[in-house]
């Protein structure tokens, strides 16, 4: 059975580091585009104050998330310069061990909804 994996997380940006955060998000998005064909959706959104950035990732499966962790590991190591904290981190689907381990080691909370029940996925431009 096909089971997608979804990651949704919000990062609080350190005061005075918004430009660095935005550049980092764009750099990671470029990496994802070129190196992660199983990533179906990868989008960053910022609040109006420039203090919080939310990322939405929709993967074809949990293995894609594990691959993503490897692709962005260097960026994760440097993100401490602009990420003040994590919040509202939720995963839909069974998380790969590498993701759970990263959150455990970082002392961050990861809310999990591991059991896929049913759904429809349509990726692409809306049909008009």
PDB file of N, CA and C in Angstrom:
ATOM      1  N   UNK A   1       0.844  -1.185   0.000  1.00  0.00           N
ATOM      2  CA  UNK A   1       0.000   0.000   0.000  1.00  0.00           C
ATOM      3  C   UNK A   1       0.889   1.248   0.000  1.00  0.00           C
ATOM      4  N   UNK A   2       0.499   2.226  -0.767  1.00  0.00           N
ATOM      5  CA  UNK A   2       1.212   3.497  -0.857  1.00  0.00           C
ATOM      6  C   UNK A   2       0.921   4.324   0.381  1.00  0.00           C
ATOM      7  N   UNK A   3       1.975   4.738   1.086  1.00  0.00           N
ATOM      8  CA  UNK A   3       1.810   5.566   2.278  1.00  0.00           C
ATOM      9  C   UNK A   3       2.711   6.791   2.189  1.00  0.00           C
ATOM     10  N   UNK A   4       2.129   7.949   1.886  1.00  0.00           N
ATOM     11  CA  UNK A   4       2.931   9.178   1.819  1.00  0.00           C
ATOM     12  C   UNK A   4       3.431   9.551   3.211  1.00  0.00           C
ATOM     13  N   UNK A   5       4.410  10.424   3.244  1.00  0.00           N
ATOM     14  CA  UNK A   5       4.944  10.927   4.506  1.00  0.00           C
ATOM     15  C   UNK A   5       4.929  12.449   4.443  1.00  0.00           C
ATOM     16  N   UNK A   6       4.353  13.083   5.464  1.00  0.00           N
ATOM     17  CA  UNK A   6       4.228  14.541   5.490  1.00  0.00           C
ATOM     18  C   UNK A   6       4.929  15.083   6.735  1.00  0.00           C
ATOM     19  N   UNK A   7       5.688  16.148   6.541  1.00  0.00           N
ATOM     20  CA  UNK A   7       6.383  16.825   7.634  1.00  0.00           C
ATOM     21  C   UNK A   7       5.948  18.288   7.611  1.00  0.00           C
ATOM     22  N   UNK A   8       5.562  18.787   8.757  1.00  0.00           N
ATOM     23  CA  UNK A   8       5.189  20.194   8.909  1.00  0.00           C
ATOM     24  C   UNK A   8       5.877  20.715  10.157  1.00  0.00           C
ATOM     25  N   UNK A   9       6.683  21.754  10.011  1.00  0.00           N
ATOM     26  CA  UNK A   9       7.393  22.294  11.162  1.00  0.00           C
ATOM     27  C   UNK A   9       7.545  23.795  11.062  1.00  0.00           C
ATOM     28  N   UNK A  10       7.579  24.444  12.220  1.00  0.00           N
ATOM     29  CA  UNK A  10       7.740  25.894  12.287  1.00  0.00           C
ATOM     30  C   UNK A  10       9.026  26.218  13.034  1.00  0.00           C
ATOM     31  N   UNK A  11       9.784  27.139  12.479  1.00  0.00           N
ATOM     32  CA  UNK A  11      11.041  27.587  13.067  1.00  0.00           C
ATOM     33  C   UNK A  11      10.897  29.046  13.460  1.00  0.00           C
ATOM     34  N   UNK A  12      11.320  29.372  14.675  1.00  0.00           N
ATOM     35  CA  UNK A  12      11.384  30.770  15.087  1.00  0.00           C
ATOM     36  C   UNK A  12      12.761  31.279  14.701  1.00  0.00           C
ATOM     37  N   UNK A  13      12.796  32.395  13.980  1.00  0.00           N
ATOM     38  CA  UNK A  13      14.038  32.979  13.480  1.00  0.00           C
ATOM     39  C   UNK A  13      14.642  33.886  14.551  1.00  0.00           C
ATOM     40  N   UNK A  14      15.931  33.729  14.779  1.00  0.00           N
ATOM     41  CA  UNK A  14      16.629  34.599  15.732  1.00  0.00           C
ATOM     42  C   UNK A  14      16.521  36.053  15.265  1.00  0.00           C
ATOM     43  N   UNK A  15      16.339  36.934  16.213  1.00  0.00           N
ATOM     44  CA  UNK A  15      16.259  38.366  15.926  1.00  0.00           C
ATOM     45  C   UNK A  15      17.481  38.794  15.119  1.00  0.00           C
ATOM     46  N   UNK A  16      17.238  39.493  14.002  1.00  0.00           N
ATOM     47  CA  UNK A  16      18.322  39.999  13.168  1.00  0.00           C
ATOM     48  C   UNK A  16      18.880  38.988  12.175  1.00  0.00           C
ATOM     49  N   UNK A  17      18.280  37.801  12.077  1.00  0.00           N
ATOM     50  CA  UNK A  17      18.809  36.768  11.184  1.00  0.00           C
ATOM     51  C   UNK A  17      17.839  36.381  10.066  1.00  0.00           C
ATOM     52  N   UNK A  18      16.861  37.235   9.791  1.00  0.00           N
ATOM     53  CA  UNK A  18      15.862  36.895   8.785  1.00  0.00           C
ATOM     54  C   UNK A  18      16.487  36.706   7.399  1.00  0.00           C
ATOM     55  N   UNK A  19      17.363  37.599   6.975  1.00  0.00           N
ATOM     56  CA  UNK A  19      17.966  37.469   5.649  1.00  0.00           C
ATOM     57  C   UNK A  19      18.727  36.150   5.518  1.00  0.00           C
ATOM     58  N   UNK A  20      19.443  35.775   6.561  1.00  0.00           N
ATOM     59  CA  UNK A  20      20.172  34.502   6.579  1.00  0.00           C
ATOM     60  C   UNK A  20      19.196  33.328   6.483  1.00  0.00           C
ATOM     61  N   UNK A  21      18.096  33.425   7.223  1.00  0.00           N
ATOM     62  CA  UNK A  21      17.081  32.361   7.209  1.00  0.00           C
ATOM     63  C   UNK A  21      16.470  32.207   5.818  1.00  0.00           C
ATOM     64  N   UNK A  22      16.102  33.314   5.204  1.00  0.00           N
ATOM     65  CA  UNK A  22      15.498  33.264   3.876  1.00  0.00           C
ATOM     66  C   UNK A  22      16.472  32.699   2.843  1.00  0.00           C
ATOM     67  N   UNK A  23      17.727  33.110   2.914  1.00  0.00           N
ATOM     68  CA  UNK A  23      18.745  32.589   1.990  1.00  0.00           C
ATOM     69  C   UNK A  23      18.929  31.084   2.196  1.00  0.00           C
ATOM     70  N   UNK A  24      18.927  30.650   3.434  1.00  0.00           N
ATOM     71  CA  UNK A  24      19.074  29.233   3.737  1.00  0.00           C
ATOM     72  C   UNK A  24      17.895  28.430   3.192  1.00  0.00           C
ATOM     73  N   UNK A  25      16.694  28.949   3.352  1.00  0.00           N
ATOM     74  CA  UNK A  25      15.501  28.274   2.831  1.00  0.00           C
ATOM     75  C   UNK A  25      15.578  28.133   1.318  1.00  0.00           C
ATOM     76  N   UNK A  26      15.984  29.183   0.648  1.00  0.00           N
ATOM     77  CA  UNK A  26      16.091  29.139  -0.818  1.00  0.00           C
ATOM     78  C   UNK A  26      17.164  28.146  -1.265  1.00  0.00           C
ATOM     79  N   UNK A  27      18.270  28.106  -0.526  1.00  0.00           N
ATOM     80  CA  UNK A  27      19.358  27.183  -0.862  1.00  0.00           C
ATOM     81  C   UNK A  27      18.899  25.728  -0.686  1.00  0.00           C
ATOM     82  N   UNK A  28      18.198  25.447   0.402  1.00  0.00           N
ATOM     83  CA  UNK A  28      17.699  24.097   0.642  1.00  0.00           C
ATOM     84  C   UNK A  28      16.668  23.716  -0.423  1.00  0.00           C
ATOM     85  N   UNK A  29      15.790  24.642  -0.782  1.00  0.00           N
ATOM     86  CA  UNK A  29      14.792  24.363  -1.816  1.00  0.00           C
ATOM     87  C   UNK A  29      15.473  24.004  -3.142  1.00  0.00           C
ATOM     88  N   UNK A  30      16.543  24.679  -3.460  1.00  0.00           N
ATOM     89  CA  UNK A  30      17.288  24.379  -4.682  1.00  0.00           C
ATOM     90  C   UNK A  30      17.907  22.980  -4.610  1.00  0.00           C
ATOM     91  N   UNK A  31      18.459  22.630  -3.469  1.00  0.00           N
ATOM     92  CA  UNK A  31      19.014  21.284  -3.275  1.00  0.00           C
ATOM     93  C   UNK A  31      17.937  20.216  -3.451  1.00  0.00           C
ATOM     94  N   UNK A  32      16.797  20.456  -2.825  1.00  0.00           N
ATOM     95  CA  UNK A  32      15.688  19.503  -2.919  1.00  0.00           C
ATOM     96  C   UNK A  32      15.269  19.318  -4.367  1.00  0.00           C
ATOM     97  N   UNK A  33      15.143  20.421  -5.074  1.00  0.00           N
ATOM     98  CA  UNK A  33      14.717  20.345  -6.473  1.00  0.00           C
ATOM     99  C   UNK A  33      15.677  19.506  -7.312  1.00  0.00           C
ATOM    100  N   UNK A  34      16.969  19.647  -7.069  1.00  0.00           N
ATOM    101  CA  UNK A  34      17.951  18.960  -7.901  1.00  0.00           C
ATOM    102  C   UNK A  34      18.292  17.549  -7.426  1.00  0.00           C
ATOM    103  N   UNK A  35      18.064  17.234  -6.133  1.00  0.00           N
ATOM    104  CA  UNK A  35      18.552  15.959  -5.618  1.00  0.00           C
ATOM    105  C   UNK A  35      17.504  15.050  -4.982  1.00  0.00           C
ATOM    106  N   UNK A  36      16.243  15.476  -4.968  1.00  0.00           N
ATOM    107  CA  UNK A  36      15.239  14.663  -4.287  1.00  0.00           C
ATOM    108  C   UNK A  36      13.986  14.460  -5.151  1.00  0.00           C
ATOM    109  N   UNK A  37      14.060  13.529  -6.088  1.00  0.00           N
ATOM    110  CA  UNK A  37      12.930  13.327  -6.997  1.00  0.00           C
ATOM    111  C   UNK A  37      11.668  12.768  -6.327  1.00  0.00           C
ATOM    112  N   UNK A  38      11.795  12.163  -5.154  1.00  0.00           N
ATOM    113  CA  UNK A  38      10.615  11.605  -4.477  1.00  0.00           C
ATOM    114  C   UNK A  38       9.930  12.621  -3.564  1.00  0.00           C
ATOM    115  N   UNK A  39      10.473  13.843  -3.499  1.00  0.00           N
ATOM    116  CA  UNK A  39       9.825  14.915  -2.734  1.00  0.00           C
ATOM    117  C   UNK A  39       8.729  15.485  -3.625  1.00  0.00           C
ATOM    118  N   UNK A  40       7.495  15.363  -3.196  1.00  0.00           N
ATOM    119  CA  UNK A  40       6.366  15.813  -4.007  1.00  0.00           C
ATOM    120  C   UNK A  40       6.061  17.292  -3.813  1.00  0.00           C
ATOM    121  N   UNK A  41       6.175  17.770  -2.576  1.00  0.00           N
ATOM    122  CA  UNK A  41       5.917  19.178  -2.249  1.00  0.00           C
ATOM    123  C   UNK A  41       6.970  19.608  -1.234  1.00  0.00           C
ATOM    124  N   UNK A  42       7.569  20.775  -1.468  1.00  0.00           N
ATOM    125  CA  UNK A  42       8.535  21.344  -0.521  1.00  0.00           C
ATOM    126  C   UNK A  42       8.362  22.852  -0.579  1.00  0.00           C
ATOM    127  N   UNK A  43       7.743  23.419   0.443  1.00  0.00           N
ATOM    128  CA  UNK A  43       7.403  24.840   0.445  1.00  0.00           C
ATOM    129  C   UNK A  43       7.708  25.468   1.799  1.00  0.00           C
ATOM    130  N   UNK A  44       8.270  26.678   1.776  1.00  0.00           N
ATOM    131  CA  UNK A  44       8.473  27.487   2.983  1.00  0.00           C
ATOM    132  C   UNK A  44       7.497  28.655   2.956  1.00  0.00           C
ATOM    133  N   UNK A  45       6.990  29.016   4.118  1.00  0.00           N
ATOM    134  CA  UNK A  45       6.115  30.177   4.282  1.00  0.00           C
ATOM    135  C   UNK A  45       6.591  30.947   5.511  1.00  0.00           C
ATOM    136  N   UNK A  46       6.518  32.279   5.453  1.00  0.00           N
ATOM    137  CA  UNK A  46       6.930  33.123   6.583  1.00  0.00           C
ATOM    138  C   UNK A  46       5.745  33.947   7.073  1.00  0.00           C
ATOM    139  N   UNK A  47       5.760  34.264   8.359  1.00  0.00           N
ATOM    140  CA  UNK A  47       4.726  35.153   8.891  1.00  0.00           C
ATOM    141  C   UNK A  47       5.059  36.596   8.509  1.00  0.00           C
ATOM    142  N   UNK A  48       4.113  37.502   8.728  1.00  0.00           N
ATOM    143  CA  UNK A  48       4.304  38.907   8.354  1.00  0.00           C
ATOM    144  C   UNK A  48       5.402  39.595   9.145  1.00  0.00           C
ATOM    145  N   UNK A  49       5.684  39.136  10.355  1.00  0.00           N
ATOM    146  CA  UNK A  49       6.699  39.766  11.195  1.00  0.00           C
ATOM    147  C   UNK A  49       8.117  39.282  10.873  1.00  0.00           C
ATOM    148  N   UNK A  50       8.233  38.210  10.089  1.00  0.00           N
ATOM    149  CA  UNK A  50       9.555  37.678   9.767  1.00  0.00           C
ATOM    150  C   UNK A  50      10.196  36.965  10.934  1.00  0.00           C
ATOM    151  N   UNK A  51       9.384  36.488  11.851  1.00  0.00           N
ATOM    152  CA  UNK A  51       9.922  35.781  13.031  1.00  0.00           C
ATOM    153  C   UNK A  51       9.707  34.274  12.956  1.00  0.00           C
ATOM    154  N   UNK A  52       8.776  33.836  12.115  1.00  0.00           N
ATOM    155  CA  UNK A  52       8.531  32.403  12.024  1.00  0.00           C
ATOM    156  C   UNK A  52       8.452  31.965  10.566  1.00  0.00           C
ATOM    157  N   UNK A  53       9.036  30.802  10.313  1.00  0.00           N
ATOM    158  CA  UNK A  53       9.007  30.186   8.994  1.00  0.00           C
ATOM    159  C   UNK A  53       8.474  28.774   9.176  1.00  0.00           C
ATOM    160  N   UNK A  54       7.500  28.426   8.356  1.00  0.00           N
ATOM    161  CA  UNK A  54       6.950  27.070   8.382  1.00  0.00           C
ATOM    162  C   UNK A  54       7.334  26.370   7.088  1.00  0.00           C
ATOM    163  N   UNK A  55       7.712  25.101   7.215  1.00  0.00           N
ATOM    164  CA  UNK A  55       8.025  24.298   6.040  1.00  0.00           C
ATOM    165  C   UNK A  55       7.013  23.165   5.936  1.00  0.00           C
ATOM    166  N   UNK A  56       6.572  22.923   4.714  1.00  0.00           N
ATOM    167  CA  UNK A  56       5.676  21.820   4.403  1.00  0.00           C
ATOM    168  C   UNK A  56       6.409  20.904   3.441  1.00  0.00           C
ATOM    169  N   UNK A  57       6.507  19.634   3.815  1.00  0.00           N
ATOM    170  CA  UNK A  57       7.136  18.637   2.957  1.00  0.00           C
ATOM    171  C   UNK A  57       6.165  17.486   2.763  1.00  0.00           C
ATOM    172  N   UNK A  58       5.936  17.103   1.524  1.00  0.00           N
ATOM    173  CA  UNK A  58       5.148  15.913   1.229  1.00  0.00           C
ATOM    174  C   UNK A  58       6.069  14.986   0.438  1.00  0.00           C
ATOM    175  N   UNK A  59       6.343  13.846   1.036  1.00  0.00           N
ATOM    176  CA  UNK A  59       7.233  12.851   0.442  1.00  0.00           C
ATOM    177  C   UNK A  59       6.421  11.688  -0.121  1.00  0.00           C
ATOM    178  N   UNK A  60       6.957  11.025  -1.114  1.00  0.00           N
ATOM    179  CA  UNK A  60       6.303   9.845  -1.672  1.00  0.00           C
ATOM    180  C   UNK A  60       6.208   8.732  -0.635  1.00  0.00           C
ATOM    181  N   UNK A  61       7.178   8.689   0.286  1.00  0.00           N
ATOM    182  CA  UNK A  61       7.192   7.675   1.339  1.00  0.00           C
ATOM    183  C   UNK A  61       8.196   8.100   2.406  1.00  0.00           C
ATOM    184  N   UNK A  62       8.243   7.363   3.513  1.00  0.00           N
ATOM    185  CA  UNK A  62       9.137   7.706   4.623  1.00  0.00           C
ATOM    186  C   UNK A  62      10.606   7.585   4.221  1.00  0.00           C
ATOM    187  N   UNK A  63      10.914   6.693   3.297  1.00  0.00           N
ATOM    188  CA  UNK A  63      12.286   6.554   2.805  1.00  0.00           C
ATOM    189  C   UNK A  63      12.777   7.863   2.185  1.00  0.00           C
ATOM    190  N   UNK A  64      11.879   8.577   1.519  1.00  0.00           N
ATOM    191  CA  UNK A  64      12.219   9.876   0.937  1.00  0.00           C
ATOM    192  C   UNK A  64      12.613  10.867   2.030  1.00  0.00           C
ATOM    193  N   UNK A  65      11.930  10.802   3.179  1.00  0.00           N
ATOM    194  CA  UNK A  65      12.284  11.689   4.301  1.00  0.00           C
ATOM    195  C   UNK A  65      13.665  11.351   4.835  1.00  0.00           C
ATOM    196  N   UNK A  66      13.960  10.056   4.934  1.00  0.00           N
ATOM    197  CA  UNK A  66      15.287   9.639   5.397  1.00  0.00           C
ATOM    198  C   UNK A  66      16.362  10.161   4.441  1.00  0.00           C
ATOM    199  N   UNK A  67      16.112  10.070   3.139  1.00  0.00           N
ATOM    200  CA  UNK A  67      17.030  10.608   2.143  1.00  0.00           C
ATOM    201  C   UNK A  67      17.184  12.113   2.312  1.00  0.00           C
ATOM    202  N   UNK A  68      16.078  12.802   2.557  1.00  0.00           N
ATOM    203  CA  UNK A  68      16.101  14.257   2.741  1.00  0.00           C
ATOM    204  C   UNK A  68      17.016  14.643   3.902  1.00  0.00           C
ATOM    205  N   UNK A  69      16.946  13.886   4.985  1.00  0.00           N
ATOM    206  CA  UNK A  69      17.797  14.186   6.146  1.00  0.00           C
ATOM    207  C   UNK A  69      19.272  14.133   5.756  1.00  0.00           C
ATOM    208  N   UNK A  70      19.633  13.196   4.895  1.00  0.00           N
ATOM    209  CA  UNK A  70      21.011  13.116   4.427  1.00  0.00           C
ATOM    210  C   UNK A  70      21.389  14.274   3.522  1.00  0.00           C
ATOM    211  N   UNK A  71      20.479  14.646   2.638  1.00  0.00           N
ATOM    212  CA  UNK A  71      20.742  15.736   1.693  1.00  0.00           C
ATOM    213  C   UNK A  71      20.935  17.057   2.427  1.00  0.00           C
ATOM    214  N   UNK A  72      20.145  17.307   3.467  1.00  0.00           N
ATOM    215  CA  UNK A  72      20.192  18.609   4.146  1.00  0.00           C
ATOM    216  C   UNK A  72      20.987  18.592   5.449  1.00  0.00           C
ATOM    217  N   UNK A  73      21.703  17.510   5.721  1.00  0.00           N
ATOM    218  CA  UNK A  73      22.414  17.400   6.999  1.00  0.00           C
ATOM    219  C   UNK A  73      23.384  18.560   7.241  1.00  0.00           C
ATOM    220  N   UNK A  74      24.083  18.993   6.215  1.00  0.00           N
ATOM    221  CA  UNK A  74      25.018  20.114   6.359  1.00  0.00           C
ATOM    222  C   UNK A  74      24.271  21.401   6.715  1.00  0.00           C
ATOM    223  N   UNK A  75      23.118  21.607   6.088  1.00  0.00           N
ATOM    224  CA  UNK A  75      22.306  22.789   6.377  1.00  0.00           C
ATOM    225  C   UNK A  75      21.735  22.733   7.792  1.00  0.00           C
ATOM    226  N   UNK A  76      21.321  21.549   8.214  1.00  0.00           N
ATOM    227  CA  UNK A  76      20.811  21.399   9.578  1.00  0.00           C
ATOM    228  C   UNK A  76      21.888  21.758  10.597  1.00  0.00           C
ATOM    229  N   UNK A  77      23.113  21.348  10.335  1.00  0.00           N
ATOM    230  CA  UNK A  77      24.220  21.636  11.248  1.00  0.00           C
ATOM    231  C   UNK A  77      24.475  23.138  11.368  1.00  0.00           C
ATOM    232  N   UNK A  78      24.236  23.883  10.279  1.00  0.00           N
ATOM    233  CA  UNK A  78      24.467  25.339  10.292  1.00  0.00           C
ATOM    234  C   UNK A  78      23.240  26.137  10.708  1.00  0.00           C
ATOM    235  N   UNK A  79      22.084  25.512  10.777  1.00  0.00           N
ATOM    236  CA  UNK A  79      20.840  26.246  11.020  1.00  0.00           C
ATOM    237  C   UNK A  79      20.762  26.872  12.402  1.00  0.00           C
ATOM    238  N   UNK A  80      21.577  26.418  13.319  1.00  0.00           N
ATOM    239  CA  UNK A  80      21.564  26.985  14.670  1.00  0.00           C
ATOM    240  C   UNK A  80      21.893  28.466  14.691  1.00  0.00           C
ATOM    241  N   UNK A  81      22.532  28.961  13.649  1.00  0.00           N
ATOM    242  CA  UNK A  81      22.866  30.384  13.612  1.00  0.00           C
ATOM    243  C   UNK A  81      21.625  31.241  13.393  1.00  0.00           C
ATOM    244  N   UNK A  82      20.569  30.675  12.802  1.00  0.00           N
ATOM    245  CA  UNK A  82      19.370  31.480  12.562  1.00  0.00           C
ATOM    246  C   UNK A  82      18.108  30.910  13.196  1.00  0.00           C
ATOM    247  N   UNK A  83      18.076  29.617  13.517  1.00  0.00           N
ATOM    248  CA  UNK A  83      16.893  29.038  14.161  1.00  0.00           C
ATOM    249  C   UNK A  83      17.004  29.194  15.670  1.00  0.00           C
ATOM    250  N   UNK A  84      16.038  29.916  16.226  1.00  0.00           N
ATOM    251  CA  UNK A  84      15.979  30.082  17.681  1.00  0.00           C
ATOM    252  C   UNK A  84      15.332  28.865  18.333  1.00  0.00           C
ATOM    253  N   UNK A  85      14.247  28.371  17.711  1.00  0.00           N
ATOM    254  CA  UNK A  85      13.554  27.213  18.257  1.00  0.00           C
ATOM    255  C   UNK A  85      12.673  26.559  17.202  1.00  0.00           C
ATOM    256  N   UNK A  86      12.255  25.344  17.497  1.00  0.00           N
ATOM    257  CA  UNK A  86      11.308  24.598  16.675  1.00  0.00           C
ATOM    258  C   UNK A  86       9.978  24.591  17.408  1.00  0.00           C
ATOM    259  N   UNK A  87       8.873  24.531  16.666  1.00  0.00           N
ATOM    260  CA  UNK A  87       7.564  24.376  17.299  1.00  0.00           C
ATOM    261  C   UNK A  87       6.602  23.764  16.295  1.00  0.00           C
ATOM    262  N   UNK A  88       5.516  23.241  16.821  1.00  0.00           N
ATOM    263  CA  UNK A  88       4.446  22.693  15.985  1.00  0.00           C
ATOM    264  C   UNK A  88       4.959  21.683  14.959  1.00  0.00           C
ATOM    265  N   UNK A  89       5.980  20.902  15.324  1.00  0.00           N
ATOM    266  CA  UNK A  89       6.515  19.934  14.386  1.00  0.00           C
ATOM    267  C   UNK A  89       5.655  18.679  14.414  1.00  0.00           C
ATOM    268  N   UNK A  90       5.056  18.384  13.275  1.00  0.00           N
ATOM    269  CA  UNK A  90       4.140  17.264  13.153  1.00  0.00           C
ATOM    270  C   UNK A  90       4.533  16.423  11.951  1.00  0.00           C
ATOM    271  N   UNK A  91       4.478  15.101  12.125  1.00  0.00           N
ATOM    272  CA  UNK A  91       4.688  14.205  10.992  1.00  0.00           C
ATOM    273  C   UNK A  91       3.453  13.337  10.818  1.00  0.00           C
ATOM    274  N   UNK A  92       3.104  13.132   9.573  1.00  0.00           N
ATOM    275  CA  UNK A  92       1.982  12.279   9.207  1.00  0.00           C
ATOM    276  C   UNK A  92       2.565  11.096   8.463  1.00  0.00           C
ATOM    277  N   UNK A  93       2.474   9.915   9.068  1.00  0.00           N
ATOM    278  CA  UNK A  93       3.102   8.712   8.538  1.00  0.00           C
ATOM    279  C   UNK A  93       4.167   8.257   9.515  1.00  0.00           C
ATOM    280  N   UNK A  94       4.618   7.037   9.351  1.00  0.00           N
ATOM    281  CA  UNK A  94       5.640   6.470  10.244  1.00  0.00           C
ATOM    282  C   UNK A  94       6.981   7.137   9.966  1.00  0.00           C
ATOM    283  N   UNK A  95       7.522   7.890  10.948  1.00  0.00           N
ATOM    284  CA  UNK A  95       8.779   8.591  10.688  1.00  0.00           C
ATOM    285  C   UNK A  95       9.958   7.627  10.586  1.00  0.00           C
ATOM    286  N   UNK A  96      10.900   7.932   9.706  1.00  0.00           N
ATOM    287  CA  UNK A  96      12.109   7.107   9.636  1.00  0.00           C
ATOM    288  C   UNK A  96      12.943   7.309  10.907  1.00  0.00           C
ATOM    289  N   UNK A  97      13.710   6.305  11.257  1.00  0.00           N
ATOM    290  CA  UNK A  97      14.509   6.347  12.491  1.00  0.00           C
ATOM    291  C   UNK A  97      15.427   7.563  12.539  1.00  0.00           C
ATOM    292  N   UNK A  98      16.016   7.949  11.409  1.00  0.00           N
ATOM    293  CA  UNK A  98      16.955   9.073  11.390  1.00  0.00           C
ATOM    294  C   UNK A  98      16.270  10.370  11.824  1.00  0.00           C
ATOM    295  N   UNK A  99      15.009  10.557  11.468  1.00  0.00           N
ATOM    296  CA  UNK A  99      14.286  11.763  11.858  1.00  0.00           C
ATOM    297  C   UNK A  99      13.967  11.739  13.351  1.00  0.00           C
ATOM    298  N   UNK A 100      13.449  10.631  13.828  1.00  0.00           N
ATOM    299  CA  UNK A 100      13.130  10.512  15.254  1.00  0.00           C
ATOM    300  C   UNK A 100      14.382  10.698  16.109  1.00  0.00           C
ATOM    301  N   UNK A 101      15.486  10.106  15.665  1.00  0.00           N
ATOM    302  CA  UNK A 101      16.747  10.219  16.393  1.00  0.00           C
ATOM    303  C   UNK A 101      17.237  11.667  16.423  1.00  0.00           C
ATOM    304  N   UNK A 102      17.128  12.374  15.293  1.00  0.00           N
ATOM    305  CA  UNK A 102      17.583  13.763  15.231  1.00  0.00           C
ATOM    306  C   UNK A 102      16.805  14.614  16.228  1.00  0.00           C
ATOM    307  N   UNK A 103      15.486  14.444  16.274  1.00  0.00           N
ATOM    308  CA  UNK A 103      14.664  15.220  17.195  1.00  0.00           C
ATOM    309  C   UNK A 103      14.961  14.856  18.641  1.00  0.00           C
ATOM    310  N   UNK A 104      15.173  13.591  18.905  1.00  0.00           N
ATOM    311  CA  UNK A 104      15.498  13.159  20.264  1.00  0.00           C
ATOM    312  C   UNK A 104      16.825  13.774  20.719  1.00  0.00           C
ATOM    313  N   UNK A 105      17.843  13.705  19.869  1.00  0.00           N
ATOM    314  CA  UNK A 105      19.156  14.261  20.204  1.00  0.00           C
ATOM    315  C   UNK A 105      19.110  15.781  20.365  1.00  0.00           C
ATOM    316  N   UNK A 106      18.236  16.443  19.590  1.00  0.00           N
ATOM    317  CA  UNK A 106      18.117  17.908  19.681  1.00  0.00           C
ATOM    318  C   UNK A 106      17.249  18.331  20.867  1.00  0.00           C
ATOM    319  N   UNK A 107      16.606  17.366  21.524  1.00  0.00           N
ATOM    320  CA  UNK A 107      15.734  17.694  22.647  1.00  0.00           C
ATOM    321  C   UNK A 107      14.462  18.393  22.219  1.00  0.00           C
ATOM    322  N   UNK A 108      14.064  18.164  20.982  1.00  0.00           N
ATOM    323  CA  UNK A 108      12.873  18.815  20.432  1.00  0.00           C
ATOM    324  C   UNK A 108      11.714  17.823  20.374  1.00  0.00           C
ATOM    325  N   UNK A 109      10.502  18.349  20.441  1.00  0.00           N
ATOM    326  CA  UNK A 109       9.307  17.514  20.402  1.00  0.00           C
ATOM    327  C   UNK A 109       8.857  17.275  18.969  1.00  0.00           C
ATOM    328  N   UNK A 110       8.476  16.035  18.691  1.00  0.00           N
ATOM    329  CA  UNK A 110       7.986  15.638  17.374  1.00  0.00           C
ATOM    330  C   UNK A 110       6.635  14.962  17.586  1.00  0.00           C
ATOM    331  N   UNK A 111       5.562  15.603  17.110  1.00  0.00           N
ATOM    332  CA  UNK A 111       4.226  15.025  17.223  1.00  0.00           C
ATOM    333  C   UNK A 111       4.015  14.095  16.046  1.00  0.00           C
ATOM    334  N   UNK A 112       3.644  12.846  16.342  1.00  0.00           N
ATOM    335  CA  UNK A 112       3.534  11.829  15.302  1.00  0.00           C
ATOM    336  C   UNK A 112       2.108  11.324  15.145  1.00  0.00           C
ATOM    337  N   UNK A 113       1.698  11.192  13.892  1.00  0.00           N
ATOM    338  CA  UNK A 113       0.464  10.525  13.509  1.00  0.00           C
ATOM    339  C   UNK A 113       0.896   9.436  12.526  1.00  0.00           C
ATOM    340  N   UNK A 114       1.375   8.286  13.032  1.00  0.00           N
ATOM    341  CA  UNK A 114       2.037   7.308  12.177  1.00  0.00           C
ATOM    342  C   UNK A 114       1.124   6.439  11.312  1.00  0.00           C
ATOM    343  N   UNK A 115      -0.131   6.389  11.621  1.00  0.00           N
ATOM    344  CA  UNK A 115      -1.016   5.449  10.924  1.00  0.00           C
ATOM    345  C   UNK A 115      -1.797   6.125   9.799  1.00  0.00           C
ATOM    346  N   UNK A 116      -1.485   5.760   8.575  1.00  0.00           N
ATOM    347  CA  UNK A 116      -2.209   6.272   7.407  1.00  0.00           C
ATOM    348  C   UNK A 116      -3.523   5.518   7.285  1.00  0.00           C
ATOM    349  N   UNK A 117      -4.602   6.235   7.112  1.00  0.00           N
ATOM    350  CA  UNK A 117      -5.920   5.606   7.041  1.00  0.00           C
ATOM    351  C   UNK A 117      -6.422   5.572   5.602  1.00  0.00           C
ATOM    352  N   UNK A 118      -6.484   6.717   4.945  1.00  0.00           N
ATOM    353  CA  UNK A 118      -6.993   6.794   3.570  1.00  0.00           C
ATOM    354  C   UNK A 118      -6.718   8.188   3.042  1.00  0.00           C
ATOM    355  N   UNK A 119      -6.855   8.380   1.740  1.00  0.00           N
ATOM    356  CA  UNK A 119      -6.706   9.724   1.188  1.00  0.00           C
ATOM    357  C   UNK A 119      -6.489   9.718  -0.304  1.00  0.00           C
ATOM    358  N   UNK A 120      -6.346  10.913  -0.844  1.00  0.00           N
ATOM    359  CA  UNK A 120      -6.104  11.138  -2.266  1.00  0.00           C
ATOM    360  C   UNK A 120      -4.969  12.156  -2.366  1.00  0.00           C
ATOM    361  N   UNK A 121      -4.072  11.919  -3.291  1.00  0.00           N
ATOM    362  CA  UNK A 121      -3.003  12.886  -3.538  1.00  0.00           C
ATOM    363  C   UNK A 121      -3.058  13.280  -5.005  1.00  0.00           C
ATOM    364  N   UNK A 122      -3.131  14.565  -5.221  1.00  0.00           N
ATOM    365  CA  UNK A 122      -3.064  15.128  -6.568  1.00  0.00           C
ATOM    366  C   UNK A 122      -2.007  16.224  -6.522  1.00  0.00           C
ATOM    367  N   UNK A 123      -0.954  16.041  -7.259  1.00  0.00           N
ATOM    368  CA  UNK A 123       0.125  17.015  -7.269  1.00  0.00           C
ATOM    369  C   UNK A 123       0.218  17.609  -8.670  1.00  0.00           C
ATOM    370  N   UNK A 124       0.297  18.913  -8.721  1.00  0.00           N
ATOM    371  CA  UNK A 124       0.394  19.612 -10.003  1.00  0.00           C
ATOM    372  C   UNK A 124      -0.520  20.809  -9.994  1.00  0.00           C
ATOM    373  N   UNK A 125      -0.658  21.444 -11.115  1.00  0.00           N
ATOM    374  CA  UNK A 125      -1.507  22.613 -11.236  1.00  0.00           C
ATOM    375  C   UNK A 125      -2.972  22.195 -11.162  1.00  0.00           C
ATOM    376  N   UNK A 126      -3.797  23.010 -10.521  1.00  0.00           N
ATOM    377  CA  UNK A 126      -5.220  22.671 -10.467  1.00  0.00           C
ATOM    378  C   UNK A 126      -5.845  22.677 -11.854  1.00  0.00           C
ATOM    379  N   UNK A 127      -6.766  21.761 -12.019  1.00  0.00           N
ATOM    380  CA  UNK A 127      -7.493  21.668 -13.289  1.00  0.00           C
ATOM    381  C   UNK A 127      -8.598  22.709 -13.266  1.00  0.00           C
ATOM    382  N   UNK A 128      -8.683  23.532 -14.300  1.00  0.00           N
ATOM    383  CA  UNK A 128      -9.547  24.665 -14.301  1.00  0.00           C
ATOM    384  C   UNK A 128     -10.863  24.474 -14.863  1.00  0.00           C
TER     385      UNK A 128
END
